[in-house]
ModelCIF file with pLDDT and N, C-alpha, C, O atoms, coordinates in Angstrom:
data_MODEL
#
_entry.id   MODEL 
#
_entity.id                         1 
_entity.type                       polymer 
_entity.pdbx_number_of_molecules   1 
#
_entity_poly.entity_id                      1 
_entity_poly.type                           'polypeptide(L)' 
_entity_poly.nstd_linkage                   no 
_entity_poly.nstd_monomer                   no 
_entity_poly.pdbx_seq_one_letter_code       IEDVHKAIERTTRGENYFDPQITEAIKEIRKGDTEDSPLTLREREI 
_entity_poly.pdbx_seq_one_letter_code_can   IEDVHKAIERTTRGENYFDPQITEAIKEIRKGDTEDSPLTLREREI 
_entity_poly.pdbx_strand_id                 A 
#
loop_
_entity_poly_seq.entity_id 
_entity_poly_seq.num 
_entity_poly_seq.mon_id 
_entity_poly_seq.hetero 
1 1  ILE n 
1 2  GLU n 
1 3  ASP n 
1 4  VAL n 
1 5  HIS n 
1 6  LYS n 
1 7  ALA n 
1 8  ILE n 
1 9  GLU n 
1 10 ARG n 
1 11 THR n 
1 12 THR n 
1 13 ARG n 
1 14 GLY n 
1 15 GLU n 
1 16 ASN n 
1 17 TYR n 
1 18 PHE n 
1 19 ASP n 
1 20 PRO n 
1 21 GLN n 
1 22 ILE n 
1 23 THR n 
1 24 GLU n 
1 25 ALA n 
1 26 ILE n 
1 27 LYS n 
1 28 GLU n 
1 29 ILE n 
1 30 ARG n 
1 31 LYS n 
1 32 GLY n 
1 33 ASP n 
1 34 THR n 
1 35 GLU n 
1 36 ASP n 
1 37 SER n 
1 38 PRO n 
1 39 LEU n 
1 40 THR n 
1 41 LEU n 
1 42 ARG n 
1 43 GLU n 
1 44 ARG n 
1 45 GLU n 
1 46 ILE n 
#
_struct_asym.id          A 
_struct_asym.entity_id   1 
#
loop_
_ma_qa_metric.id 
_ma_qa_metric.mode 
_ma_qa_metric.name 
_ma_qa_metric.software_group_id 
_ma_qa_metric.type 
1 global pLDDT . pLDDT 
2 local  pLDDT . pLDDT 
#
_ma_qa_metric_global.metric_id      1 
_ma_qa_metric_global.metric_value   78.35 
_ma_qa_metric_global.model_id       1 
_ma_qa_metric_global.ordinal_id     1 
#
loop_
_ma_qa_metric_local.label_asym_id 
_ma_qa_metric_local.label_comp_id 
_ma_qa_metric_local.label_seq_id 
_ma_qa_metric_local.metric_id 
_ma_qa_metric_local.metric_value 
_ma_qa_metric_local.model_id 
_ma_qa_metric_local.ordinal_id 
A ILE 1  2 91.00 1 1  
A GLU 2  2 92.00 1 2  
A ASP 3  2 92.00 1 3  
A VAL 4  2 94.00 1 4  
A HIS 5  2 93.00 1 5  
A LYS 6  2 92.00 1 6  
A ALA 7  2 93.00 1 7  
A ILE 8  2 95.00 1 8  
A GLU 9  2 92.00 1 9  
A ARG 10 2 90.00 1 10 
A THR 11 2 92.00 1 11 
A THR 12 2 93.00 1 12 
A ARG 13 2 89.00 1 13 
A GLY 14 2 87.00 1 14 
A GLU 15 2 88.00 1 15 
A ASN 16 2 88.00 1 16 
A TYR 17 2 89.00 1 17 
A PHE 18 2 86.00 1 18 
A ASP 19 2 84.00 1 19 
A PRO 20 2 79.00 1 20 
A GLN 21 2 74.00 1 21 
A ILE 22 2 73.00 1 22 
A THR 23 2 71.00 1 23 
A GLU 24 2 69.00 1 24 
A ALA 25 2 68.00 1 25 
A ILE 26 2 66.00 1 26 
A LYS 27 2 65.00 1 27 
A GLU 28 2 64.00 1 28 
A ILE 29 2 59.00 1 29 
A ARG 30 2 58.00 1 30 
A LYS 31 2 60.00 1 31 
A GLY 32 2 56.00 1 32 
A ASP 33 2 53.00 1 33 
A THR 34 2 48.00 1 34 
A GLU 35 2 46.00 1 35 
A ASP 36 2 56.00 1 36 
A SER 37 2 64.00 1 37 
A PRO 38 2 81.00 1 38 
A LEU 39 2 83.00 1 39 
A THR 40 2 80.00 1 40 
A LEU 41 2 79.00 1 41 
A ARG 42 2 84.00 1 42 
A GLU 43 2 87.00 1 43 
A ARG 44 2 85.00 1 44 
A GLU 45 2 86.00 1 45 
A ILE 46 2 90.00 1 46 
#
loop_
_atom_site.group_PDB 
_atom_site.id 
_atom_site.type_symbol 
_atom_site.label_atom_id 
_atom_site.label_alt_id 
_atom_site.label_comp_id 
_atom_site.label_asym_id 
_atom_site.label_entity_id 
_atom_site.label_seq_id 
_atom_site.pdbx_PDB_ins_code 
_atom_site.Cartn_x 
_atom_site.Cartn_y 
_atom_site.Cartn_z 
_atom_site.occupancy 
_atom_site.B_iso_or_equiv 
_atom_site.pdbx_formal_charge 
_atom_site.auth_seq_id 
_atom_site.auth_comp_id 
_atom_site.auth_asym_id 
_atom_site.auth_atom_id 
_atom_site.pdbx_PDB_model_num 
ATOM 1   N N  . ILE A 1 1  ? -3.479  -15.200 4.394   1.00 91.00 ? 1  ILE A N  1 
ATOM 2   C CA . ILE A 1 1  ? -4.646  -15.104 3.525   1.00 91.00 ? 1  ILE A CA 1 
ATOM 3   C C  . ILE A 1 1  ? -5.433  -13.825 3.803   1.00 91.00 ? 1  ILE A C  1 
ATOM 4   O O  . ILE A 1 1  ? -6.120  -13.311 2.921   1.00 91.00 ? 1  ILE A O  1 
ATOM 5   N N  . GLU A 1 2  ? -5.330  -13.307 5.048   1.00 92.00 ? 2  GLU A N  1 
ATOM 6   C CA . GLU A 1 2  ? -6.023  -12.052 5.353   1.00 92.00 ? 2  GLU A CA 1 
ATOM 7   C C  . GLU A 1 2  ? -5.467  -10.904 4.522   1.00 92.00 ? 2  GLU A C  1 
ATOM 8   O O  . GLU A 1 2  ? -6.193  -9.973  4.172   1.00 92.00 ? 2  GLU A O  1 
ATOM 9   N N  . ASP A 1 3  ? -4.168  -10.972 4.205   1.00 92.00 ? 3  ASP A N  1 
ATOM 10  C CA . ASP A 1 3  ? -3.560  -9.941  3.360   1.00 92.00 ? 3  ASP A CA 1 
ATOM 11  C C  . ASP A 1 3  ? -4.066  -10.056 1.914   1.00 92.00 ? 3  ASP A C  1 
ATOM 12  O O  . ASP A 1 3  ? -4.242  -9.047  1.231   1.00 92.00 ? 3  ASP A O  1 
ATOM 13  N N  . VAL A 1 4  ? -4.295  -11.285 1.461   1.00 94.00 ? 4  VAL A N  1 
ATOM 14  C CA . VAL A 1 4  ? -4.824  -11.492 0.112   1.00 94.00 ? 4  VAL A CA 1 
ATOM 15  C C  . VAL A 1 4  ? -6.236  -10.905 0.017   1.00 94.00 ? 4  VAL A C  1 
ATOM 16  O O  . VAL A 1 4  ? -6.579  -10.230 -0.953  1.00 94.00 ? 4  VAL A O  1 
ATOM 17  N N  . HIS A 1 5  ? -7.044  -11.177 1.044   1.00 93.00 ? 5  HIS A N  1 
ATOM 18  C CA . HIS A 1 5  ? -8.400  -10.622 1.078   1.00 93.00 ? 5  HIS A CA 1 
ATOM 19  C C  . HIS A 1 5  ? -8.346  -9.091  1.092   1.00 93.00 ? 5  HIS A C  1 
ATOM 20  O O  . HIS A 1 5  ? -9.105  -8.425  0.389   1.00 93.00 ? 5  HIS A O  1 
ATOM 21  N N  . LYS A 1 6  ? -7.453  -8.559  1.889   1.00 92.00 ? 6  LYS A N  1 
ATOM 22  C CA . LYS A 1 6  ? -7.325  -7.103  2.010   1.00 92.00 ? 6  LYS A CA 1 
ATOM 23  C C  . LYS A 1 6  ? -6.898  -6.493  0.674   1.00 92.00 ? 6  LYS A C  1 
ATOM 24  O O  . LYS A 1 6  ? -7.409  -5.448  0.269   1.00 92.00 ? 6  LYS A O  1 
ATOM 25  N N  . ALA A 1 7  ? -5.964  -7.149  -0.002  1.00 93.00 ? 7  ALA A N  1 
ATOM 26  C CA . ALA A 1 7  ? -5.481  -6.651  -1.298  1.00 93.00 ? 7  ALA A CA 1 
ATOM 27  C C  . ALA A 1 7  ? -6.616  -6.642  -2.315  1.00 93.00 ? 7  ALA A C  1 
ATOM 28  O O  . ALA A 1 7  ? -6.754  -5.690  -3.083  1.00 93.00 ? 7  ALA A O  1 
ATOM 29  N N  . ILE A 1 8  ? -7.421  -7.687  -2.326  1.00 95.00 ? 8  ILE A N  1 
ATOM 30  C CA . ILE A 1 8  ? -8.543  -7.773  -3.267  1.00 95.00 ? 8  ILE A CA 1 
ATOM 31  C C  . ILE A 1 8  ? -9.561  -6.665  -2.988  1.00 95.00 ? 8  ILE A C  1 
ATOM 32  O O  . ILE A 1 8  ? -10.026 -5.993  -3.908  1.00 95.00 ? 8  ILE A O  1 
ATOM 33  N N  . GLU A 1 9  ? -9.897  -6.485  -1.726  1.00 92.00 ? 9  GLU A N  1 
ATOM 34  C CA . GLU A 1 9  ? -10.877 -5.465  -1.358  1.00 92.00 ? 9  GLU A CA 1 
ATOM 35  C C  . GLU A 1 9  ? -10.392 -4.065  -1.726  1.00 92.00 ? 9  GLU A C  1 
ATOM 36  O O  . GLU A 1 9  ? -11.155 -3.260  -2.258  1.00 92.00 ? 9  GLU A O  1 
ATOM 37  N N  . ARG A 1 10 ? -9.128  -3.777  -1.442  1.00 90.00 ? 10 ARG A N  1 
ATOM 38  C CA . ARG A 1 10 ? -8.588  -2.437  -1.710  1.00 90.00 ? 10 ARG A CA 1 
ATOM 39  C C  . ARG A 1 10 ? -8.456  -2.154  -3.197  1.00 90.00 ? 10 ARG A C  1 
ATOM 40  O O  . ARG A 1 10 ? -8.802  -1.068  -3.660  1.00 90.00 ? 10 ARG A O  1 
ATOM 41  N N  . THR A 1 11 ? -7.961  -3.120  -3.937  1.00 92.00 ? 11 THR A N  1 
ATOM 42  C CA . THR A 1 11 ? -7.799  -2.878  -5.372  1.00 92.00 ? 11 THR A CA 1 
ATOM 43  C C  . THR A 1 11 ? -9.156  -2.762  -6.059  1.00 92.00 ? 11 THR A C  1 
ATOM 44  O O  . THR A 1 11 ? -9.287  -2.063  -7.064  1.00 92.00 ? 11 THR A O  1 
ATOM 45  N N  . THR A 1 12 ? -10.162 -3.442  -5.522  1.00 93.00 ? 12 THR A N  1 
ATOM 46  C CA . THR A 1 12 ? -11.515 -3.311  -6.062  1.00 93.00 ? 12 THR A CA 1 
ATOM 47  C C  . THR A 1 12 ? -12.016 -1.874  -5.913  1.00 93.00 ? 12 THR A C  1 
ATOM 48  O O  . THR A 1 12 ? -12.777 -1.377  -6.744  1.00 93.00 ? 12 THR A O  1 
ATOM 49  N N  . ARG A 1 13 ? -11.571 -1.214  -4.833  1.00 89.00 ? 13 ARG A N  1 
ATOM 50  C CA . ARG A 1 13 ? -11.973 0.182   -4.591  1.00 89.00 ? 13 ARG A CA 1 
ATOM 51  C C  . ARG A 1 13 ? -11.103 1.165   -5.370  1.00 89.00 ? 13 ARG A C  1 
ATOM 52  O O  . ARG A 1 13 ? -11.273 2.378   -5.243  1.00 89.00 ? 13 ARG A O  1 
ATOM 53  N N  . GLY A 1 14 ? -10.184 0.658   -6.165  1.00 87.00 ? 14 GLY A N  1 
ATOM 54  C CA . GLY A 1 14 ? -9.320  1.539   -6.949  1.00 87.00 ? 14 GLY A CA 1 
ATOM 55  C C  . GLY A 1 14 ? -8.041  1.942   -6.241  1.00 87.00 ? 14 GLY A C  1 
ATOM 56  O O  . GLY A 1 14 ? -7.320  2.823   -6.710  1.00 87.00 ? 14 GLY A O  1 
ATOM 57  N N  . GLU A 1 15 ? -7.752  1.300   -5.108  1.00 88.00 ? 15 GLU A N  1 
ATOM 58  C CA . GLU A 1 15 ? -6.534  1.594   -4.359  1.00 88.00 ? 15 GLU A CA 1 
ATOM 59  C C  . GLU A 1 15 ? -5.444  0.601   -4.741  1.00 88.00 ? 15 GLU A C  1 
ATOM 60  O O  . GLU A 1 15 ? -5.693  -0.370  -5.456  1.00 88.00 ? 15 GLU A O  1 
ATOM 61  N N  . ASN A 1 16 ? -4.243  0.855   -4.259  1.00 88.00 ? 16 ASN A N  1 
ATOM 62  C CA . ASN A 1 16 ? -3.133  -0.087  -4.441  1.00 88.00 ? 16 ASN A CA 1 
ATOM 63  C C  . ASN A 1 16 ? -2.877  -0.819  -3.132  1.00 88.00 ? 16 ASN A C  1 
ATOM 64  O O  . ASN A 1 16 ? -3.200  -0.324  -2.052  1.00 88.00 ? 16 ASN A O  1 
ATOM 65  N N  . TYR A 1 17 ? -2.291  -2.006  -3.247  1.00 89.00 ? 17 TYR A N  1 
ATOM 66  C CA . TYR A 1 17 ? -1.919  -2.740  -2.033  1.00 89.00 ? 17 TYR A CA 1 
ATOM 67  C C  . TYR A 1 17 ? -0.608  -3.463  -2.279  1.00 89.00 ? 17 TYR A C  1 
ATOM 68  O O  . TYR A 1 17 ? -0.486  -4.274  -3.197  1.00 89.00 ? 17 TYR A O  1 
ATOM 69  N N  . PHE A 1 18 ? 0.374   -3.151  -1.436  1.00 86.00 ? 18 PHE A N  1 
ATOM 70  C CA . PHE A 1 18 ? 1.684   -3.787  -1.555  1.00 86.00 ? 18 PHE A CA 1 
ATOM 71  C C  . PHE A 1 18 ? 2.057   -4.470  -0.245  1.00 86.00 ? 18 PHE A C  1 
ATOM 72  O O  . PHE A 1 18 ? 1.825   -3.938  0.841   1.00 86.00 ? 18 PHE A O  1 
ATOM 73  N N  . ASP A 1 19 ? 2.636   -5.649  -0.370  1.00 84.00 ? 19 ASP A N  1 
ATOM 74  C CA . ASP A 1 19 ? 3.047   -6.419  0.795   1.00 84.00 ? 19 ASP A CA 1 
ATOM 75  C C  . ASP A 1 19 ? 3.944   -5.571  1.696   1.00 84.00 ? 19 ASP A C  1 
ATOM 76  O O  . ASP A 1 19 ? 4.886   -4.948  1.207   1.00 84.00 ? 19 ASP A O  1 
ATOM 77  N N  . PRO A 1 20 ? 3.672   -5.536  2.994   1.00 79.00 ? 20 PRO A N  1 
ATOM 78  C CA . PRO A 1 20 ? 4.494   -4.747  3.917   1.00 79.00 ? 20 PRO A CA 1 
ATOM 79  C C  . PRO A 1 20 ? 5.984   -5.062  3.826   1.00 79.00 ? 20 PRO A C  1 
ATOM 80  O O  . PRO A 1 20 ? 6.822   -4.193  4.067   1.00 79.00 ? 20 PRO A O  1 
ATOM 81  N N  . GLN A 1 21 ? 6.315   -6.311  3.476   1.00 74.00 ? 21 GLN A N  1 
ATOM 82  C CA . GLN A 1 21 ? 7.720   -6.713  3.394   1.00 74.00 ? 21 GLN A CA 1 
ATOM 83  C C  . GLN A 1 21 ? 8.462   -6.050  2.236   1.00 74.00 ? 21 GLN A C  1 
ATOM 84  O O  . GLN A 1 21 ? 9.690   -5.972  2.259   1.00 74.00 ? 21 GLN A O  1 
ATOM 85  N N  . ILE A 1 22 ? 7.741   -5.576  1.231   1.00 73.00 ? 22 ILE A N  1 
ATOM 86  C CA . ILE A 1 22 ? 8.440   -4.941  0.103   1.00 73.00 ? 22 ILE A CA 1 
ATOM 87  C C  . ILE A 1 22 ? 8.141   -3.443  -0.003  1.00 73.00 ? 22 ILE A C  1 
ATOM 88  O O  . ILE A 1 22 ? 8.587   -2.782  -0.940  1.00 73.00 ? 22 ILE A O  1 
ATOM 89  N N  . THR A 1 23 ? 7.390   -2.919  0.955   1.00 71.00 ? 23 THR A N  1 
ATOM 90  C CA . THR A 1 23 ? 7.077   -1.488  0.922   1.00 71.00 ? 23 THR A CA 1 
ATOM 91  C C  . THR A 1 23 ? 8.338   -0.638  0.906   1.00 71.00 ? 23 THR A C  1 
ATOM 92  O O  . THR A 1 23 ? 8.420   0.343   0.168   1.00 71.00 ? 23 THR A O  1 
ATOM 93  N N  . GLU A 1 24 ? 9.319   -1.012  1.718   1.00 69.00 ? 24 GLU A N  1 
ATOM 94  C CA . GLU A 1 24 ? 10.566  -0.250  1.773   1.00 69.00 ? 24 GLU A CA 1 
ATOM 95  C C  . GLU A 1 24 ? 11.317  -0.320  0.457   1.00 69.00 ? 24 GLU A C  1 
ATOM 96  O O  . GLU A 1 24 ? 11.924  0.657   0.020   1.00 69.00 ? 24 GLU A O  1 
ATOM 97  N N  . ALA A 1 25 ? 11.268  -1.486  -0.169  1.00 68.00 ? 25 ALA A N  1 
ATOM 98  C CA . ALA A 1 25 ? 11.940  -1.635  -1.468  1.00 68.00 ? 25 ALA A CA 1 
ATOM 99  C C  . ALA A 1 25 ? 11.287  -0.730  -2.503  1.00 68.00 ? 25 ALA A C  1 
ATOM 100 O O  . ALA A 1 25 ? 11.975  -0.118  -3.321  1.00 68.00 ? 25 ALA A O  1 
ATOM 101 N N  . ILE A 1 26 ? 9.963   -0.643  -2.467  1.00 66.00 ? 26 ILE A N  1 
ATOM 102 C CA . ILE A 1 26 ? 9.236   0.219   -3.395  1.00 66.00 ? 26 ILE A CA 1 
ATOM 103 C C  . ILE A 1 26 ? 9.598   1.683   -3.147  1.00 66.00 ? 26 ILE A C  1 
ATOM 104 O O  . ILE A 1 26 ? 9.762   2.458   -4.089  1.00 66.00 ? 26 ILE A O  1 
ATOM 105 N N  . LYS A 1 27 ? 9.721   2.052   -1.874  1.00 65.00 ? 27 LYS A N  1 
ATOM 106 C CA . LYS A 1 27 ? 10.096  3.433   -1.533  1.00 65.00 ? 27 LYS A CA 1 
ATOM 107 C C  . LYS A 1 27 ? 11.463  3.775   -2.106  1.00 65.00 ? 27 LYS A C  1 
ATOM 108 O O  . LYS A 1 27 ? 11.668  4.867   -2.636  1.00 65.00 ? 27 LYS A O  1 
ATOM 109 N N  . GLU A 1 28 ? 12.401  2.830   -1.997  1.00 64.00 ? 28 GLU A N  1 
ATOM 110 C CA . GLU A 1 28 ? 13.747  3.056   -2.527  1.00 64.00 ? 28 GLU A CA 1 
ATOM 111 C C  . GLU A 1 28 ? 13.711  3.226   -4.036  1.00 64.00 ? 28 GLU A C  1 
ATOM 112 O O  . GLU A 1 28 ? 14.398  4.079   -4.597  1.00 64.00 ? 28 GLU A O  1 
ATOM 113 N N  . ILE A 1 29 ? 12.892  2.394   -4.688  1.00 59.00 ? 29 ILE A N  1 
ATOM 114 C CA . ILE A 1 29 ? 12.765  2.483   -6.144  1.00 59.00 ? 29 ILE A CA 1 
ATOM 115 C C  . ILE A 1 29 ? 12.224  3.841   -6.540  1.00 59.00 ? 29 ILE A C  1 
ATOM 116 O O  . ILE A 1 29 ? 12.721  4.474   -7.472  1.00 59.00 ? 29 ILE A O  1 
ATOM 117 N N  . ARG A 1 30 ? 11.208  4.282   -5.829  1.00 58.00 ? 30 ARG A N  1 
ATOM 118 C CA . ARG A 1 30 ? 10.549  5.537   -6.177  1.00 58.00 ? 30 ARG A CA 1 
ATOM 119 C C  . ARG A 1 30 ? 11.373  6.759   -5.818  1.00 58.00 ? 30 ARG A C  1 
ATOM 120 O O  . ARG A 1 30 ? 11.093  7.853   -6.307  1.00 58.00 ? 30 ARG A O  1 
ATOM 121 N N  . LYS A 1 31 ? 12.385  6.594   -4.972  1.00 60.00 ? 31 LYS A N  1 
ATOM 122 C CA . LYS A 1 31 ? 13.277  7.721   -4.678  1.00 60.00 ? 31 LYS A CA 1 
ATOM 123 C C  . LYS A 1 31 ? 13.973  8.194   -5.944  1.00 60.00 ? 31 LYS A C  1 
ATOM 124 O O  . LYS A 1 31 ? 14.298  9.371   -6.102  1.00 60.00 ? 31 LYS A O  1 
ATOM 125 N N  . GLY A 1 32 ? 14.194  7.229   -6.847  1.00 56.00 ? 32 GLY A N  1 
ATOM 126 C CA . GLY A 1 32 ? 14.871  7.587   -8.097  1.00 56.00 ? 32 GLY A CA 1 
ATOM 127 C C  . GLY A 1 32 ? 13.967  8.297   -9.080  1.00 56.00 ? 32 GLY A C  1 
ATOM 128 O O  . GLY A 1 32 ? 14.434  8.862   -10.069 1.00 56.00 ? 32 GLY A O  1 
ATOM 129 N N  . ASP A 1 33 ? 12.657  8.269   -8.808  1.00 53.00 ? 33 ASP A N  1 
ATOM 130 C CA . ASP A 1 33 ? 11.697  8.901   -9.715  1.00 53.00 ? 33 ASP A CA 1 
ATOM 131 C C  . ASP A 1 33 ? 11.461  10.356  -9.335  1.00 53.00 ? 33 ASP A C  1 
ATOM 132 O O  . ASP A 1 33 ? 10.316  10.773  -9.157  1.00 53.00 ? 33 ASP A O  1 
ATOM 133 N N  . THR A 1 34 ? 12.508  11.115  -9.211  1.00 48.00 ? 34 THR A N  1 
ATOM 134 C CA . THR A 1 34 ? 12.396  12.511  -8.805  1.00 48.00 ? 34 THR A CA 1 
ATOM 135 C C  . THR A 1 34 ? 12.573  13.416  -10.015 1.00 48.00 ? 34 THR A C  1 
ATOM 136 O O  . THR A 1 34 ? 13.038  12.981  -11.068 1.00 48.00 ? 34 THR A O  1 
ATOM 137 N N  . GLU A 1 35 ? 12.198  14.673  -9.851  1.00 46.00 ? 35 GLU A N  1 
ATOM 138 C CA . GLU A 1 35 ? 12.320  15.631  -10.956 1.00 46.00 ? 35 GLU A CA 1 
ATOM 139 C C  . GLU A 1 35 ? 13.775  15.875  -11.334 1.00 46.00 ? 35 GLU A C  1 
ATOM 140 O O  . GLU A 1 35 ? 14.072  16.302  -12.450 1.00 46.00 ? 35 GLU A O  1 
ATOM 141 N N  . ASP A 1 36 ? 14.692  15.598  -10.386 1.00 56.00 ? 36 ASP A N  1 
ATOM 142 C CA . ASP A 1 36 ? 16.108  15.829  -10.646 1.00 56.00 ? 36 ASP A CA 1 
ATOM 143 C C  . ASP A 1 36 ? 16.718  14.738  -11.528 1.00 56.00 ? 36 ASP A C  1 
ATOM 144 O O  . ASP A 1 36 ? 17.785  14.931  -12.112 1.00 56.00 ? 36 ASP A O  1 
ATOM 145 N N  . SER A 1 37 ? 16.037  13.593  -11.622 1.00 64.00 ? 37 SER A N  1 
ATOM 146 C CA . SER A 1 37 ? 16.573  12.489  -12.409 1.00 64.00 ? 37 SER A CA 1 
ATOM 147 C C  . SER A 1 37 ? 16.543  12.851  -13.889 1.00 64.00 ? 37 SER A C  1 
ATOM 148 O O  . SER A 1 37 ? 15.522  13.331  -14.382 1.00 64.00 ? 37 SER A O  1 
ATOM 149 N N  . PRO A 1 38 ? 17.639  12.633  -14.605 1.00 81.00 ? 38 PRO A N  1 
ATOM 150 C CA . PRO A 1 38 ? 17.667  13.003  -16.031 1.00 81.00 ? 38 PRO A CA 1 
ATOM 151 C C  . PRO A 1 38 ? 16.833  12.082  -16.907 1.00 81.00 ? 38 PRO A C  1 
ATOM 152 O O  . PRO A 1 38 ? 16.467  12.455  -18.022 1.00 81.00 ? 38 PRO A O  1 
ATOM 153 N N  . LEU A 1 39 ? 16.528  10.880  -16.419 1.00 83.00 ? 39 LEU A N  1 
ATOM 154 C CA . LEU A 1 39 ? 15.801  9.903   -17.226 1.00 83.00 ? 39 LEU A CA 1 
ATOM 155 C C  . LEU A 1 39 ? 14.393  9.664   -16.685 1.00 83.00 ? 39 LEU A C  1 
ATOM 156 O O  . LEU A 1 39 ? 14.158  9.707   -15.477 1.00 83.00 ? 39 LEU A O  1 
ATOM 157 N N  . THR A 1 40 ? 13.478  9.414   -17.594 1.00 80.00 ? 40 THR A N  1 
ATOM 158 C CA . THR A 1 40 ? 12.114  9.071   -17.198 1.00 80.00 ? 40 THR A CA 1 
ATOM 159 C C  . THR A 1 40 ? 12.079  7.612   -16.742 1.00 80.00 ? 40 THR A C  1 
ATOM 160 O O  . THR A 1 40 ? 13.050  6.875   -16.922 1.00 80.00 ? 40 THR A O  1 
ATOM 161 N N  . LEU A 1 41 ? 10.955  7.202   -16.153 1.00 79.00 ? 41 LEU A N  1 
ATOM 162 C CA . LEU A 1 41 ? 10.798  5.811   -15.708 1.00 79.00 ? 41 LEU A CA 1 
ATOM 163 C C  . LEU A 1 41 ? 10.956  4.851   -16.874 1.00 79.00 ? 41 LEU A C  1 
ATOM 164 O O  . LEU A 1 41 ? 11.641  3.837   -16.739 1.00 79.00 ? 41 LEU A O  1 
ATOM 165 N N  . ARG A 1 42 ? 10.342  5.141   -18.015 1.00 84.00 ? 42 ARG A N  1 
ATOM 166 C CA . ARG A 1 42 ? 10.457  4.274   -19.183 1.00 84.00 ? 42 ARG A CA 1 
ATOM 167 C C  . ARG A 1 42 ? 11.893  4.231   -19.700 1.00 84.00 ? 42 ARG A C  1 
ATOM 168 O O  . ARG A 1 42 ? 12.376  3.175   -20.111 1.00 84.00 ? 42 ARG A O  1 
ATOM 169 N N  . GLU A 1 43 ? 12.581  5.387   -19.679 1.00 87.00 ? 43 GLU A N  1 
ATOM 170 C CA . GLU A 1 43 ? 13.980  5.416   -20.136 1.00 87.00 ? 43 GLU A CA 1 
ATOM 171 C C  . GLU A 1 43 ? 14.860  4.573   -19.226 1.00 87.00 ? 43 GLU A C  1 
ATOM 172 O O  . GLU A 1 43 ? 15.744  3.863   -19.706 1.00 87.00 ? 43 GLU A O  1 
ATOM 173 N N  . ARG A 1 44 ? 14.629  4.641   -17.914 1.00 85.00 ? 44 ARG A N  1 
ATOM 174 C CA . ARG A 1 44 ? 15.425  3.826   -16.986 1.00 85.00 ? 44 ARG A CA 1 
ATOM 175 C C  . ARG A 1 44 ? 15.148  2.336   -17.206 1.00 85.00 ? 44 ARG A C  1 
ATOM 176 O O  . ARG A 1 44 ? 16.047  1.502   -17.098 1.00 85.00 ? 44 ARG A O  1 
ATOM 177 N N  . GLU A 1 45 ? 13.893  2.019   -17.516 1.00 86.00 ? 45 GLU A N  1 
ATOM 178 C CA . GLU A 1 45 ? 13.525  0.636   -17.802 1.00 86.00 ? 45 GLU A CA 1 
ATOM 179 C C  . GLU A 1 45 ? 14.275  0.141   -19.038 1.00 86.00 ? 45 GLU A C  1 
ATOM 180 O O  . GLU A 1 45 ? 14.771  -0.986  -19.061 1.00 86.00 ? 45 GLU A O  1 
ATOM 181 N N  . ILE A 1 46 ? 14.356  0.985   -20.058 1.00 90.00 ? 46 ILE A N  1 
ATOM 182 C CA . ILE A 1 46 ? 15.056  0.611   -21.291 1.00 90.00 ? 46 ILE A CA 1 
ATOM 183 C C  . ILE A 1 46 ? 16.559  0.497   -21.052 1.00 90.00 ? 46 ILE A C  1 
ATOM 184 O O  . ILE A 1 46 ? 17.310  0.190   -21.977 1.00 90.00 ? 46 ILE A O  1 
#
């Protein structure tokens, strides 16, 4: 519950908060969002 409180406080300040357990997964996802990628994020979603 302390993480829930922390997430609420941070997002209220305009920050993002992601569970530590999925931070690495998010990093892997964002590795694909490079300038070298031929597709945009929306195109990859489609």
